[in-house]
Structures are given as structure tokens and as C-alpha cells.
Amino acid sequence: MNVLICDDSGFARKQLVRALPADWGVTLHQAADGLEGVEQILMGHGDLILLDLTMPEMDGYGVLETLKREGVRSKVIVVSGDIQPEARRQVMALGAIDFIKKPCNSEEILELLLRLGLYQ
């Protein structure tokens, strides 16, 4: 499985990489903004996307709208500091499968991946 971490913060991307299970047999990809993320997704690098909402070029909402419009069936987990109920409702309506508050630790990520059946 290809996992894409799409966040404009290099620090946040590194923190998320470290929080993922070390023995998870996936190929990791990274994108620094939404446009780069969409390019990688269209190249097949995004079976699962860990997506920030606030980014330059194209934000997370734009990425979700593009995936929906293009019929891309990637699984998207939004990882954002914006935990407003309206933001959560909007991303879920655009096709995200879940939402986790940033910053998140390895225990939170593991619990989420197990609950979603993405890690055994």
C-alpha cells in the first residue's frame, strides 16, 4: 500500500512518519502542498492519504474536491489542527474516512489505523 503524507510543514510530515507503526509494510510518499499531493495521487502514490487542511497552492479541501471530481478512490484521513465541527463535517462530506487532531502521537495513529482496518 502507498501512503502519502500531504502537509506543507516538513516538521509535521517528519512527526507523522515517526508516529506511524515501524513495522507497517507500506511505501511512504510525501507532498509539501495540495498540488504536489494531487500529482502524486494521480501517479498512484496515494492508496491512503494523511492530509493537512491548511496548505499553500491547494488546501486539503481542494485536494478532496479534486479527488471526488476525478473519481479517485483513495482513503483519506485528515490530520489537522482545525477541529471545528464544521470543518469535520465538510471533509467527511467530501469523502474523508476520518479526522485526527494534529499533533498526534503514535498511540493515536495506531488506534485509528486498527479501528479503520488499515493495520493488522
PDB file of N, CA and C in Angstrom:
ATOM      1  N   MET A   1       0.848  -1.179   0.000  1.00  0.00           N
ATOM      2  CA  MET A   1       0.000   0.000   0.000  1.00  0.00           C
ATOM      3  C   MET A   1       0.893   1.241   0.000  1.00  0.00           C
ATOM      4  N   ASN A   2       0.529   2.222  -0.804  1.00  0.00           N
ATOM      5  CA  ASN A   2       1.217   3.505  -0.865  1.00  0.00           C
ATOM      6  C   ASN A   2       0.522   4.491   0.063  1.00  0.00           C
ATOM      7  N   VAL A   3       1.294   5.089   0.979  1.00  0.00           N
ATOM      8  CA  VAL A   3       0.764   6.066   1.922  1.00  0.00           C
ATOM      9  C   VAL A   3       1.407   7.410   1.609  1.00  0.00           C
ATOM     10  N   LEU A   4       0.565   8.409   1.381  1.00  0.00           N
ATOM     11  CA  LEU A   4       1.030   9.755   1.078  1.00  0.00           C
ATOM     12  C   LEU A   4       0.734  10.674   2.257  1.00  0.00           C
ATOM     13  N   ILE A   5       1.789  11.342   2.744  1.00  0.00           N
ATOM     14  CA  ILE A   5       1.621  12.361   3.771  1.00  0.00           C
ATOM     15  C   ILE A   5       1.691  13.707   3.069  1.00  0.00           C
ATOM     16  N   CYS A   6       0.587  14.439   3.115  1.00  0.00           N
ATOM     17  CA  CYS A   6       0.475  15.702   2.398  1.00  0.00           C
ATOM     18  C   CYS A   6       0.297  16.825   3.417  1.00  0.00           C
ATOM     19  N   ASP A   7       1.381  17.581   3.657  1.00  0.00           N
ATOM     20  CA  ASP A   7       1.380  18.654   4.650  1.00  0.00           C
ATOM     21  C   ASP A   7       2.465  19.645   4.258  1.00  0.00           C
ATOM     22  N   ASP A   8       2.189  20.938   4.349  1.00  0.00           N
ATOM     23  CA  ASP A   8       3.186  21.931   3.959  1.00  0.00           C
ATOM     24  C   ASP A   8       4.307  22.091   4.983  1.00  0.00           C
ATOM     25  N   SER A   9       4.128  21.544   6.178  1.00  0.00           N
ATOM     26  CA  SER A   9       5.151  21.630   7.213  1.00  0.00           C
ATOM     27  C   SER A   9       6.050  20.390   7.184  1.00  0.00           C
ATOM     28  N   GLY A  10       7.332  20.599   6.888  1.00  0.00           N
ATOM     29  CA  GLY A  10       8.282  19.492   6.907  1.00  0.00           C
ATOM     30  C   GLY A  10       8.361  18.849   8.283  1.00  0.00           C
ATOM     31  N   PHE A  11       8.272  19.680   9.325  1.00  0.00           N
ATOM     32  CA  PHE A  11       8.298  19.165  10.698  1.00  0.00           C
ATOM     33  C   PHE A  11       7.096  18.251  10.950  1.00  0.00           C
ATOM     34  N   ALA A  12       5.910  18.685  10.515  1.00  0.00           N
ATOM     35  CA  ALA A  12       4.697  17.884  10.719  1.00  0.00           C
ATOM     36  C   ALA A  12       4.783  16.568   9.945  1.00  0.00           C
ATOM     37  N   ARG A  13       5.337  16.601   8.723  1.00  0.00           N
ATOM     38  CA  ARG A  13       5.489  15.369   7.943  1.00  0.00           C
ATOM     39  C   ARG A  13       6.424  14.402   8.660  1.00  0.00           C
ATOM     40  N   LYS A  14       7.555  14.911   9.154  1.00  0.00           N
ATOM     41  CA  LYS A  14       8.510  14.038   9.873  1.00  0.00           C
ATOM     42  C   LYS A  14       7.879  13.458  11.125  1.00  0.00           C
ATOM     43  N   GLN A  15       7.119  14.277  11.853  1.00  0.00           N
ATOM     44  CA  GLN A  15       6.480  13.806  13.081  1.00  0.00           C
ATOM     45  C   GLN A  15       5.481  12.690  12.757  1.00  0.00           C
ATOM     46  N   LEU A  16       4.734  12.856  11.670  1.00  0.00           N
ATOM     47  CA  LEU A  16       3.751  11.845  11.274  1.00  0.00           C
ATOM     48  C   LEU A  16       4.447  10.554  10.840  1.00  0.00           C
ATOM     49  N   VAL A  17       5.555  10.666  10.102  1.00  0.00           N
ATOM     50  CA  VAL A  17       6.321   9.481   9.699  1.00  0.00           C
ATOM     51  C   VAL A  17       6.764   8.717  10.946  1.00  0.00           C
ATOM     52  N   ARG A  18       7.281   9.431  11.941  1.00  0.00           N
ATOM     53  CA  ARG A  18       7.741   8.786  13.175  1.00  0.00           C
ATOM     54  C   ARG A  18       6.583   8.170  13.960  1.00  0.00           C
ATOM     55  N   ALA A  19       5.378   8.729  13.842  1.00  0.00           N
ATOM     56  CA  ALA A  19       4.224   8.224  14.595  1.00  0.00           C
ATOM     57  C   ALA A  19       3.627   6.961  13.968  1.00  0.00           C
ATOM     58  N   LEU A  20       3.900   6.705  12.686  1.00  0.00           N
ATOM     59  CA  LEU A  20       3.357   5.518  12.023  1.00  0.00           C
ATOM     60  C   LEU A  20       4.034   4.265  12.579  1.00  0.00           C
ATOM     61  N   PRO A  21       3.325   3.133  12.600  1.00  0.00           N
ATOM     62  CA  PRO A  21       3.930   1.891  13.097  1.00  0.00           C
ATOM     63  C   PRO A  21       5.193   1.546  12.314  1.00  0.00           C
ATOM     64  N   ALA A  22       6.289   1.277  13.033  1.00  0.00           N
ATOM     65  CA  ALA A  22       7.591   0.995  12.401  1.00  0.00           C
ATOM     66  C   ALA A  22       7.555  -0.265  11.538  1.00  0.00           C
ATOM     67  N   ASP A  23       6.703  -1.226  11.906  1.00  0.00           N
ATOM     68  CA  ASP A  23       6.665  -2.497  11.169  1.00  0.00           C
ATOM     69  C   ASP A  23       5.548  -2.535  10.113  1.00  0.00           C
ATOM     70  N   TRP A  24       4.972  -1.386   9.811  1.00  0.00           N
ATOM     71  CA  TRP A  24       3.882  -1.311   8.838  1.00  0.00           C
ATOM     72  C   TRP A  24       4.485  -1.400   7.442  1.00  0.00           C
ATOM     73  N   GLY A  25       4.158  -2.443   6.708  1.00  0.00           N
ATOM     74  CA  GLY A  25       4.762  -2.679   5.397  1.00  0.00           C
ATOM     75  C   GLY A  25       4.145  -1.842   4.296  1.00  0.00           C
ATOM     76  N   VAL A  26       4.364  -0.540   4.352  1.00  0.00           N
ATOM     77  CA  VAL A  26       3.825   0.362   3.334  1.00  0.00           C
ATOM     78  C   VAL A  26       4.972   1.146   2.707  1.00  0.00           C
ATOM     79  N   THR A  27       4.704   1.730   1.549  1.00  0.00           N
ATOM     80  CA  THR A  27       5.654   2.632   0.905  1.00  0.00           C
ATOM     81  C   THR A  27       5.188   4.050   1.196  1.00  0.00           C
ATOM     82  N   LEU A  28       6.068   4.846   1.804  1.00  0.00           N
ATOM     83  CA  LEU A  28       5.710   6.212   2.177  1.00  0.00           C
ATOM     84  C   LEU A  28       6.114   7.206   1.101  1.00  0.00           C
ATOM     85  N   HIS A  29       5.223   8.165   0.852  1.00  0.00           N
ATOM     86  CA  HIS A  29       5.489   9.274  -0.064  1.00  0.00           C
ATOM     87  C   HIS A  29       5.122  10.549   0.692  1.00  0.00           C
ATOM     88  N   GLN A  30       5.706  11.678   0.267  1.00  0.00           N
ATOM     89  CA  GLN A  30       5.404  12.944   0.918  1.00  0.00           C
ATOM     90  C   GLN A  30       5.159  14.017  -0.125  1.00  0.00           C
ATOM     91  N   ALA A  31       4.271  14.958   0.226  1.00  0.00           N
ATOM     92  CA  ALA A  31       3.996  16.109  -0.626  1.00  0.00           C
ATOM     93  C   ALA A  31       3.920  17.342   0.263  1.00  0.00           C
ATOM     94  N   ALA A  32       4.468  18.466  -0.247  1.00  0.00           N
ATOM     95  CA  ALA A  32       4.558  19.695   0.535  1.00  0.00           C
ATOM     96  C   ALA A  32       3.380  20.642   0.323  1.00  0.00           C
ATOM     97  N   ASP A  33       2.492  20.316  -0.601  1.00  0.00           N
ATOM     98  CA  ASP A  33       1.278  21.122  -0.782  1.00  0.00           C
ATOM     99  C   ASP A  33       0.247  20.301  -1.544  1.00  0.00           C
ATOM    100  N   GLY A  34      -0.946  20.845  -1.662  1.00  0.00           N
ATOM    101  CA  GLY A  34      -2.040  20.109  -2.277  1.00  0.00           C
ATOM    102  C   GLY A  34      -1.815  19.767  -3.746  1.00  0.00           C
ATOM    103  N   LEU A  35      -1.234  20.697  -4.506  1.00  0.00           N
ATOM    104  CA  LEU A  35      -0.993  20.416  -5.928  1.00  0.00           C
ATOM    105  C   LEU A  35      -0.014  19.258  -6.097  1.00  0.00           C
ATOM    106  N   GLU A  36       1.073  19.285  -5.329  1.00  0.00           N
ATOM    107  CA  GLU A  36       2.036  18.190  -5.374  1.00  0.00           C
ATOM    108  C   GLU A  36       1.376  16.887  -4.918  1.00  0.00           C
ATOM    109  N   GLY A  37       0.512  16.994  -3.919  1.00  0.00           N
ATOM    110  CA  GLY A  37      -0.211  15.825  -3.430  1.00  0.00           C
ATOM    111  C   GLY A  37      -1.091  15.210  -4.507  1.00  0.00           C
ATOM    112  N   VAL A  38      -1.856  16.041  -5.209  1.00  0.00           N
ATOM    113  CA  VAL A  38      -2.732  15.537  -6.274  1.00  0.00           C
ATOM    114  C   VAL A  38      -1.902  14.868  -7.371  1.00  0.00           C
ATOM    115  N   GLU A  39      -0.764  15.484  -7.731  1.00  0.00           N
ATOM    116  CA  GLU A  39       0.117  14.877  -8.746  1.00  0.00           C
ATOM    117  C   GLU A  39       0.542  13.474  -8.309  1.00  0.00           C
ATOM    118  N   GLN A  40       0.970  13.340  -7.051  1.00  0.00           N
ATOM    119  CA  GLN A  40       1.422  12.038  -6.558  1.00  0.00           C
ATOM    120  C   GLN A  40       0.269  11.035  -6.502  1.00  0.00           C
ATOM    121  N   ILE A  41      -0.897  11.497  -6.100  1.00  0.00           N
ATOM    122  CA  ILE A  41      -2.069  10.610  -6.037  1.00  0.00           C
ATOM    123  C   ILE A  41      -2.403  10.087  -7.430  1.00  0.00           C
ATOM    124  N   LEU A  42      -2.378  10.975  -8.424  1.00  0.00           N
ATOM    125  CA  LEU A  42      -2.692  10.565  -9.799  1.00  0.00           C
ATOM    126  C   LEU A  42      -1.616   9.637 -10.372  1.00  0.00           C
ATOM    127  N   MET A  43      -0.399   9.652  -9.782  1.00  0.00           N
ATOM    128  CA  MET A  43       0.664   8.720 -10.186  1.00  0.00           C
ATOM    129  C   MET A  43       0.547   7.398  -9.436  1.00  0.00           C
ATOM    130  N   GLY A  44      -0.464   7.257  -8.559  1.00  0.00           N
ATOM    131  CA  GLY A  44      -0.668   6.001  -7.844  1.00  0.00           C
ATOM    132  C   GLY A  44      -0.001   5.927  -6.486  1.00  0.00           C
ATOM    133  N   HIS A  45       0.445   7.071  -5.959  1.00  0.00           N
ATOM    134  CA  HIS A  45       1.162   7.076  -4.685  1.00  0.00           C
ATOM    135  C   HIS A  45       0.270   7.365  -3.488  1.00  0.00           C
ATOM    136  N   GLY A  46      -1.040   7.209  -3.622  1.00  0.00           N
ATOM    137  CA  GLY A  46      -1.915   7.577  -2.522  1.00  0.00           C
ATOM    138  C   GLY A  46      -3.067   6.627  -2.288  1.00  0.00           C
ATOM    139  N   ASP A  47      -2.770   5.359  -1.957  1.00  0.00           N
ATOM    140  CA  ASP A  47      -3.862   4.454  -1.564  1.00  0.00           C
ATOM    141  C   ASP A  47      -4.494   4.972  -0.276  1.00  0.00           C
ATOM    142  N   LEU A  48      -3.634   5.461   0.626  1.00  0.00           N
ATOM    143  CA  LEU A  48      -4.070   6.108   1.859  1.00  0.00           C
ATOM    144  C   LEU A  48      -3.367   7.454   1.919  1.00  0.00           C
ATOM    145  N   ILE A  49      -4.132   8.516   2.198  1.00  0.00           N
ATOM    146  CA  ILE A  49      -3.572   9.868   2.255  1.00  0.00           C
ATOM    147  C   ILE A  49      -3.813  10.438   3.642  1.00  0.00           C
ATOM    148  N   LEU A  50      -2.749  10.927   4.258  1.00  0.00           N
ATOM    149  CA  LEU A  50      -2.834  11.654   5.522  1.00  0.00           C
ATOM    150  C   LEU A  50      -2.713  13.119   5.128  1.00  0.00           C
ATOM    151  N   LEU A  51      -3.823  13.848   5.199  1.00  0.00           N
ATOM    152  CA  LEU A  51      -3.966  15.148   4.542  1.00  0.00           C
ATOM    153  C   LEU A  51      -4.178  16.292   5.527  1.00  0.00           C
ATOM    154  N   ASP A  52      -3.304  17.293   5.444  1.00  0.00           N
ATOM    155  CA  ASP A  52      -3.489  18.537   6.188  1.00  0.00           C
ATOM    156  C   ASP A  52      -4.525  19.382   5.444  1.00  0.00           C
ATOM    157  N   LEU A  53      -5.199  20.271   6.171  1.00  0.00           N
ATOM    158  CA  LEU A  53      -6.192  21.134   5.523  1.00  0.00           C
ATOM    159  C   LEU A  53      -5.610  22.466   5.069  1.00  0.00           C
ATOM    160  N   THR A  54      -4.724  23.057   5.862  1.00  0.00           N
ATOM    161  CA  THR A  54      -4.222  24.397   5.589  1.00  0.00           C
ATOM    162  C   THR A  54      -2.855  24.314   4.924  1.00  0.00           C
ATOM    163  N   MET A  55      -2.838  24.526   3.594  1.00  0.00           N
ATOM    164  CA  MET A  55      -1.606  24.468   2.810  1.00  0.00           C
ATOM    165  C   MET A  55      -1.662  25.513   1.708  1.00  0.00           C
ATOM    166  N   PRO A  56      -0.493  25.955   1.227  1.00  0.00           N
ATOM    167  CA  PRO A  56      -0.480  26.874   0.080  1.00  0.00           C
ATOM    168  C   PRO A  56      -0.785  26.121  -1.220  1.00  0.00           C
ATOM    169  N   GLU A  57      -0.922  26.848  -2.279  1.00  0.00           N
ATOM    170  CA  GLU A  57      -1.197  26.304  -3.620  1.00  0.00           C
ATOM    171  C   GLU A  57      -2.596  25.700  -3.706  1.00  0.00           C
ATOM    172  N   MET A  58      -2.831  24.619  -2.970  1.00  0.00           N
ATOM    173  CA  MET A  58      -4.150  23.989  -2.907  1.00  0.00           C
ATOM    174  C   MET A  58      -4.301  23.427  -1.500  1.00  0.00           C
ATOM    175  N   ASP A  59      -5.380  23.800  -0.830  1.00  0.00           N
ATOM    176  CA  ASP A  59      -5.563  23.307   0.537  1.00  0.00           C
ATOM    177  C   ASP A  59      -6.177  21.901   0.527  1.00  0.00           C
ATOM    178  N   GLY A  60      -6.346  21.343   1.714  1.00  0.00           N
ATOM    179  CA  GLY A  60      -6.885  19.996   1.822  1.00  0.00           C
ATOM    180  C   GLY A  60      -8.292  19.863   1.264  1.00  0.00           C
ATOM    181  N   TYR A  61      -9.101  20.915   1.421  1.00  0.00           N
ATOM    182  CA  TYR A  61     -10.453  20.878   0.854  1.00  0.00           C
ATOM    183  C   TYR A  61     -10.374  20.762  -0.666  1.00  0.00           C
ATOM    184  N   GLY A  62      -9.439  21.517  -1.274  1.00  0.00           N
ATOM    185  CA  GLY A  62      -9.261  21.457  -2.726  1.00  0.00           C
ATOM    186  C   GLY A  62      -8.807  20.085  -3.184  1.00  0.00           C
ATOM    187  N   VAL A  63      -7.923  19.451  -2.396  1.00  0.00           N
ATOM    188  CA  VAL A  63      -7.474  18.093  -2.726  1.00  0.00           C
ATOM    189  C   VAL A  63      -8.671  17.143  -2.695  1.00  0.00           C
ATOM    190  N   LEU A  64      -9.468  17.208  -1.628  1.00  0.00           N
ATOM    191  CA  LEU A  64     -10.640  16.328  -1.512  1.00  0.00           C
ATOM    192  C   LEU A  64     -11.628  16.575  -2.652  1.00  0.00           C
ATOM    193  N   GLU A  65     -11.856  17.842  -2.995  1.00  0.00           N
ATOM    194  CA  GLU A  65     -12.771  18.159  -4.102  1.00  0.00           C
ATOM    195  C   GLU A  65     -12.242  17.598  -5.419  1.00  0.00           C
ATOM    196  N   THR A  66     -10.926  17.707  -5.644  1.00  0.00           N
ATOM    197  CA  THR A  66     -10.314  17.186  -6.872  1.00  0.00           C
ATOM    198  C   THR A  66     -10.452  15.670  -6.947  1.00  0.00           C
ATOM    199  N   LEU A  67     -10.181  14.986  -5.837  1.00  0.00           N
ATOM    200  CA  LEU A  67     -10.296  13.521  -5.818  1.00  0.00           C
ATOM    201  C   LEU A  67     -11.722  13.094  -6.119  1.00  0.00           C
ATOM    202  N   LYS A  68     -12.672  13.800  -5.517  1.00  0.00           N
ATOM    203  CA  LYS A  68     -14.086  13.473  -5.738  1.00  0.00           C
ATOM    204  C   LYS A  68     -14.456  13.688  -7.209  1.00  0.00           C
ATOM    205  N   ARG A  69     -14.050  14.824  -7.762  1.00  0.00           N
ATOM    206  CA  ARG A  69     -14.363  15.165  -9.160  1.00  0.00           C
ATOM    207  C   ARG A  69     -13.726  14.170 -10.126  1.00  0.00           C
ATOM    208  N   GLU A  70     -12.494  13.715  -9.818  1.00  0.00           N
ATOM    209  CA  GLU A  70     -11.762  12.793 -10.697  1.00  0.00           C
ATOM    210  C   GLU A  70     -12.144  11.328 -10.466  1.00  0.00           C
ATOM    211  N   GLY A  71     -12.967  11.064  -9.456  1.00  0.00           N
ATOM    212  CA  GLY A  71     -13.389   9.699  -9.177  1.00  0.00           C
ATOM    213  C   GLY A  71     -12.285   8.845  -8.562  1.00  0.00           C
ATOM    214  N   VAL A  72     -11.317   9.479  -7.901  1.00  0.00           N
ATOM    215  CA  VAL A  72     -10.211   8.755  -7.270  1.00  0.00           C
ATOM    216  C   VAL A  72     -10.713   8.145  -5.971  1.00  0.00           C
ATOM    217  N   ARG A  73     -10.430   6.868  -5.757  1.00  0.00           N
ATOM    218  CA  ARG A  73     -10.958   6.126  -4.610  1.00  0.00           C
ATOM    219  C   ARG A  73      -9.967   5.985  -3.450  1.00  0.00           C
ATOM    220  N   SER A  74      -9.051   6.914  -3.311  1.00  0.00           N
ATOM    221  CA  SER A  74      -8.096   6.861  -2.200  1.00  0.00           C
ATOM    222  C   SER A  74      -8.824   7.016  -0.872  1.00  0.00           C
ATOM    223  N   LYS A  75      -8.262   6.407   0.163  1.00  0.00           N
ATOM    224  CA  LYS A  75      -8.764   6.606   1.518  1.00  0.00           C
ATOM    225  C   LYS A  75      -8.036   7.824   2.078  1.00  0.00           C
ATOM    226  N   VAL A  76      -8.790   8.765   2.632  1.00  0.00           N
ATOM    227  CA  VAL A  76      -8.189   9.998   3.132  1.00  0.00           C
ATOM    228  C   VAL A  76      -8.506  10.174   4.610  1.00  0.00           C
ATOM    229  N   ILE A  77      -7.449  10.352   5.400  1.00  0.00           N
ATOM    230  CA  ILE A  77      -7.585  10.720   6.804  1.00  0.00           C
ATOM    231  C   ILE A  77      -7.059  12.143   6.918  1.00  0.00           C
ATOM    232  N   VAL A  78      -7.912  13.056   7.358  1.00  0.00           N
ATOM    233  CA  VAL A  78      -7.488  14.438   7.543  1.00  0.00           C
ATOM    234  C   VAL A  78      -6.756  14.543   8.877  1.00  0.00           C
ATOM    235  N   VAL A  79      -5.565  15.151   8.833  1.00  0.00           N
ATOM    236  CA  VAL A  79      -4.752  15.377  10.029  1.00  0.00           C
ATOM    237  C   VAL A  79      -4.591  16.888  10.133  1.00  0.00           C
ATOM    238  N   SER A  80      -5.333  17.498  11.058  1.00  0.00           N
ATOM    239  CA  SER A  80      -5.364  18.959  11.089  1.00  0.00           C
ATOM    240  C   SER A  80      -5.525  19.500  12.494  1.00  0.00           C
ATOM    241  N   GLY A  81      -5.010  20.697  12.705  1.00  0.00           N
ATOM    242  CA  GLY A  81      -5.220  21.398  13.968  1.00  0.00           C
ATOM    243  C   GLY A  81      -6.592  22.051  14.006  1.00  0.00           C
ATOM    244  N   ASP A  82      -7.235  22.176  12.850  1.00  0.00           N
ATOM    245  CA  ASP A  82      -8.572  22.780  12.758  1.00  0.00           C
ATOM    246  C   ASP A  82      -9.613  21.716  13.069  1.00  0.00           C
ATOM    247  N   ILE A  83     -10.075  21.701  14.315  1.00  0.00           N
ATOM    248  CA  ILE A  83     -11.010  20.648  14.718  1.00  0.00           C
ATOM    249  C   ILE A  83     -12.428  21.187  14.897  1.00  0.00           C
ATOM    250  N   GLN A  84     -12.730  22.284  14.222  1.00  0.00           N
ATOM    251  CA  GLN A  84     -14.080  22.838  14.287  1.00  0.00           C
ATOM    252  C   GLN A  84     -15.072  21.809  13.746  1.00  0.00           C
ATOM    253  N   PRO A  85     -16.238  21.682  14.395  1.00  0.00           N
ATOM    254  CA  PRO A  85     -17.232  20.720  13.908  1.00  0.00           C
ATOM    255  C   PRO A  85     -17.582  20.924  12.427  1.00  0.00           C
ATOM    256  N   GLU A  86     -17.623  22.175  11.972  1.00  0.00           N
ATOM    257  CA  GLU A  86     -17.961  22.444  10.574  1.00  0.00           C
ATOM    258  C   GLU A  86     -16.875  21.922   9.631  1.00  0.00           C
ATOM    259  N   ALA A  87     -15.604  22.075  10.021  1.00  0.00           N
ATOM    260  CA  ALA A  87     -14.501  21.555   9.195  1.00  0.00           C
ATOM    261  C   ALA A  87     -14.606  20.038   9.101  1.00  0.00           C
ATOM    262  N   ARG A  88     -14.871  19.398  10.222  1.00  0.00           N
ATOM    263  CA  ARG A  88     -15.010  17.936  10.236  1.00  0.00           C
ATOM    264  C   ARG A  88     -16.164  17.488   9.338  1.00  0.00           C
ATOM    265  N   ARG A  89     -17.308  18.159   9.471  1.00  0.00           N
ATOM    266  CA  ARG A  89     -18.475  17.829   8.635  1.00  0.00           C
ATOM    267  C   ARG A  89     -18.144  17.985   7.154  1.00  0.00           C
ATOM    268  N   GLN A  90     -17.467  19.088   6.830  1.00  0.00           N
ATOM    269  CA  GLN A  90     -17.159  19.372   5.426  1.00  0.00           C
ATOM    270  C   GLN A  90     -16.221  18.322   4.825  1.00  0.00           C
ATOM    271  N   VAL A  91     -15.155  17.945   5.543  1.00  0.00           N
ATOM    272  CA  VAL A  91     -14.222  16.961   4.969  1.00  0.00           C
ATOM    273  C   VAL A  91     -14.861  15.583   4.858  1.00  0.00           C
ATOM    274  N   MET A  92     -15.710  15.239   5.807  1.00  0.00           N
ATOM    275  CA  MET A  92     -16.392  13.947   5.720  1.00  0.00           C
ATOM    276  C   MET A  92     -17.350  13.939   4.524  1.00  0.00           C
ATOM    277  N   ALA A  93     -18.020  15.058   4.286  1.00  0.00           N
ATOM    278  CA  ALA A  93     -18.926  15.158   3.135  1.00  0.00           C
ATOM    279  C   ALA A  93     -18.150  15.067   1.819  1.00  0.00           C
ATOM    280  N   LEU A  94     -16.877  15.502   1.840  1.00  0.00           N
ATOM    281  CA  LEU A  94     -16.051  15.446   0.635  1.00  0.00           C
ATOM    282  C   LEU A  94     -15.365  14.093   0.451  1.00  0.00           C
ATOM    283  N   GLY A  95     -15.593  13.150   1.385  1.00  0.00           N
ATOM    284  CA  GLY A  95     -15.096  11.802   1.179  1.00  0.00           C
ATOM    285  C   GLY A  95     -14.007  11.324   2.121  1.00  0.00           C
ATOM    286  N   ALA A  96     -13.568  12.151   3.067  1.00  0.00           N
ATOM    287  CA  ALA A  96     -12.564  11.680   4.030  1.00  0.00           C
ATOM    288  C   ALA A  96     -13.174  10.551   4.857  1.00  0.00           C
ATOM    289  N   ILE A  97     -12.339   9.574   5.264  1.00  0.00           N
ATOM    290  CA  ILE A  97     -12.859   8.466   6.064  1.00  0.00           C
ATOM    291  C   ILE A  97     -12.730   8.728   7.554  1.00  0.00           C
ATOM    292  N   ASP A  98     -11.854   9.679   7.934  1.00  0.00           N
ATOM    293  CA  ASP A  98     -11.739  10.042   9.347  1.00  0.00           C
ATOM    294  C   ASP A  98     -10.957  11.329   9.474  1.00  0.00           C
ATOM    295  N   PHE A  99     -10.830  11.786  10.712  1.00  0.00           N
ATOM    296  CA  PHE A  99     -10.241  13.081  11.024  1.00  0.00           C
ATOM    297  C   PHE A  99      -9.507  12.918  12.343  1.00  0.00           C
ATOM    298  N   ILE A 100      -8.252  13.323  12.401  1.00  0.00           N
ATOM    299  CA  ILE A 100      -7.496  13.237  13.653  1.00  0.00           C
ATOM    300  C   ILE A 100      -6.827  14.589  13.903  1.00  0.00           C
ATOM    301  N   LYS A 101      -6.801  14.985  15.177  1.00  0.00           N
ATOM    302  CA  LYS A 101      -6.232  16.279  15.540  1.00  0.00           C
ATOM    303  C   LYS A 101      -4.711  16.227  15.495  1.00  0.00           C
ATOM    304  N   LYS A 102      -4.134  17.294  14.965  1.00  0.00           N
ATOM    305  CA  LYS A 102      -2.688  17.450  14.893  1.00  0.00           C
ATOM    306  C   LYS A 102      -2.253  18.348  16.043  1.00  0.00           C
ATOM    307  N   PRO A 103      -1.144  18.072  16.729  1.00  0.00           N
ATOM    308  CA  PRO A 103      -0.257  16.935  16.516  1.00  0.00           C
ATOM    309  C   PRO A 103      -0.837  15.658  17.117  1.00  0.00           C
ATOM    310  N   CYS A 104      -0.493  14.530  16.542  1.00  0.00           N
ATOM    311  CA  CYS A 104      -0.971  13.241  17.054  1.00  0.00           C
ATOM    312  C   CYS A 104       0.231  12.362  17.359  1.00  0.00           C
ATOM    313  N   ASN A 105       0.052  11.464  18.303  1.00  0.00           N
ATOM    314  CA  ASN A 105       1.160  10.590  18.688  1.00  0.00           C
ATOM    315  C   ASN A 105       0.963   9.192  18.108  1.00  0.00           C
ATOM    316  N   SER A 106       1.955   8.343  18.315  1.00  0.00           N
ATOM    317  CA  SER A 106       1.928   7.007  17.711  1.00  0.00           C
ATOM    318  C   SER A 106       0.766   6.162  18.233  1.00  0.00           C
ATOM    319  N   GLU A 107       0.392   6.326  19.511  1.00  0.00           N
ATOM    320  CA  GLU A 107      -0.733   5.555  20.058  1.00  0.00           C
ATOM    321  C   GLU A 107      -2.047   5.944  19.377  1.00  0.00           C
ATOM    322  N   GLU A 108      -2.246   7.245  19.160  1.00  0.00           N
ATOM    323  CA  GLU A 108      -3.479   7.713  18.493  1.00  0.00           C
ATOM    324  C   GLU A 108      -3.537   7.212  17.055  1.00  0.00           C
ATOM    325  N   ILE A 109      -2.413   7.286  16.359  1.00  0.00           N
ATOM    326  CA  ILE A 109      -2.356   6.817  14.964  1.00  0.00           C
ATOM    327  C   ILE A 109      -2.623   5.320  14.902  1.00  0.00           C
ATOM    328  N   LEU A 110      -1.974   4.545  15.778  1.00  0.00           N
ATOM    329  CA  LEU A 110      -2.155   3.096  15.778  1.00  0.00           C
ATOM    330  C   LEU A 110      -3.616   2.732  16.037  1.00  0.00           C
ATOM    331  N   GLU A 111      -4.225   3.364  17.028  1.00  0.00           N
ATOM    332  CA  GLU A 111      -5.629   3.083  17.356  1.00  0.00           C
ATOM    333  C   GLU A 111      -6.536   3.388  16.156  1.00  0.00           C
ATOM    334  N   LEU A 112      -6.270   4.503  15.482  1.00  0.00           N
ATOM    335  CA  LEU A 112      -7.066   4.892  14.322  1.00  0.00           C
ATOM    336  C   LEU A 112      -6.886   3.890  13.183  1.00  0.00           C
ATOM    337  N   LEU A 113      -5.636   3.508  12.892  1.00  0.00           N
ATOM    338  CA  LEU A 113      -5.377   2.558  11.805  1.00  0.00           C
ATOM    339  C   LEU A 113      -6.006   1.200  12.092  1.00  0.00           C
ATOM    340  N   LEU A 114      -5.942   0.758  13.342  1.00  0.00           N
ATOM    341  CA  LEU A 114      -6.569  -0.517  13.723  1.00  0.00           C
ATOM    342  C   LEU A 114      -8.081  -0.422  13.567  1.00  0.00           C
ATOM    343  N   ARG A 115      -8.674   0.665  14.057  1.00  0.00           N
ATOM    344  CA  ARG A 115     -10.123   0.833  14.018  1.00  0.00           C
ATOM    345  C   ARG A 115     -10.635   0.857  12.578  1.00  0.00           C
ATOM    346  N   LEU A 116      -9.842   1.444  11.681  1.00  0.00           N
ATOM    347  CA  LEU A 116     -10.239   1.549  10.263  1.00  0.00           C
ATOM    348  C   LEU A 116      -9.857   0.300   9.461  1.00  0.00           C
ATOM    349  N   GLY A 117      -9.184  -0.664  10.100  1.00  0.00           N
ATOM    350  CA  GLY A 117      -8.786  -1.890   9.412  1.00  0.00           C
ATOM    351  C   GLY A 117      -7.653  -1.679   8.432  1.00  0.00           C
ATOM    352  N   LEU A 118      -6.834  -0.660   8.660  1.00  0.00           N
ATOM    353  CA  LEU A 118      -5.731  -0.350   7.743  1.00  0.00           C
ATOM    354  C   LEU A 118      -4.398  -0.921   8.223  1.00  0.00           C
ATOM    355  N   TYR A 119      -4.384  -1.447   9.451  1.00  0.00           N
ATOM    356  CA  TYR A 119      -3.164  -2.032  10.019  1.00  0.00           C
ATOM    357  C   TYR A 119      -3.560  -3.247  10.836  1.00  0.00           C
ATOM    358  N   GLN A 120      -2.852  -4.372  10.627  1.00  0.00           N
ATOM    359  CA  GLN A 120      -3.140  -5.603  11.385  1.00  0.00           C
ATOM    360  C   GLN A 120      -1.950  -5.909  12.271  1.00  0.00           C
TER     361      GLN A 120
END
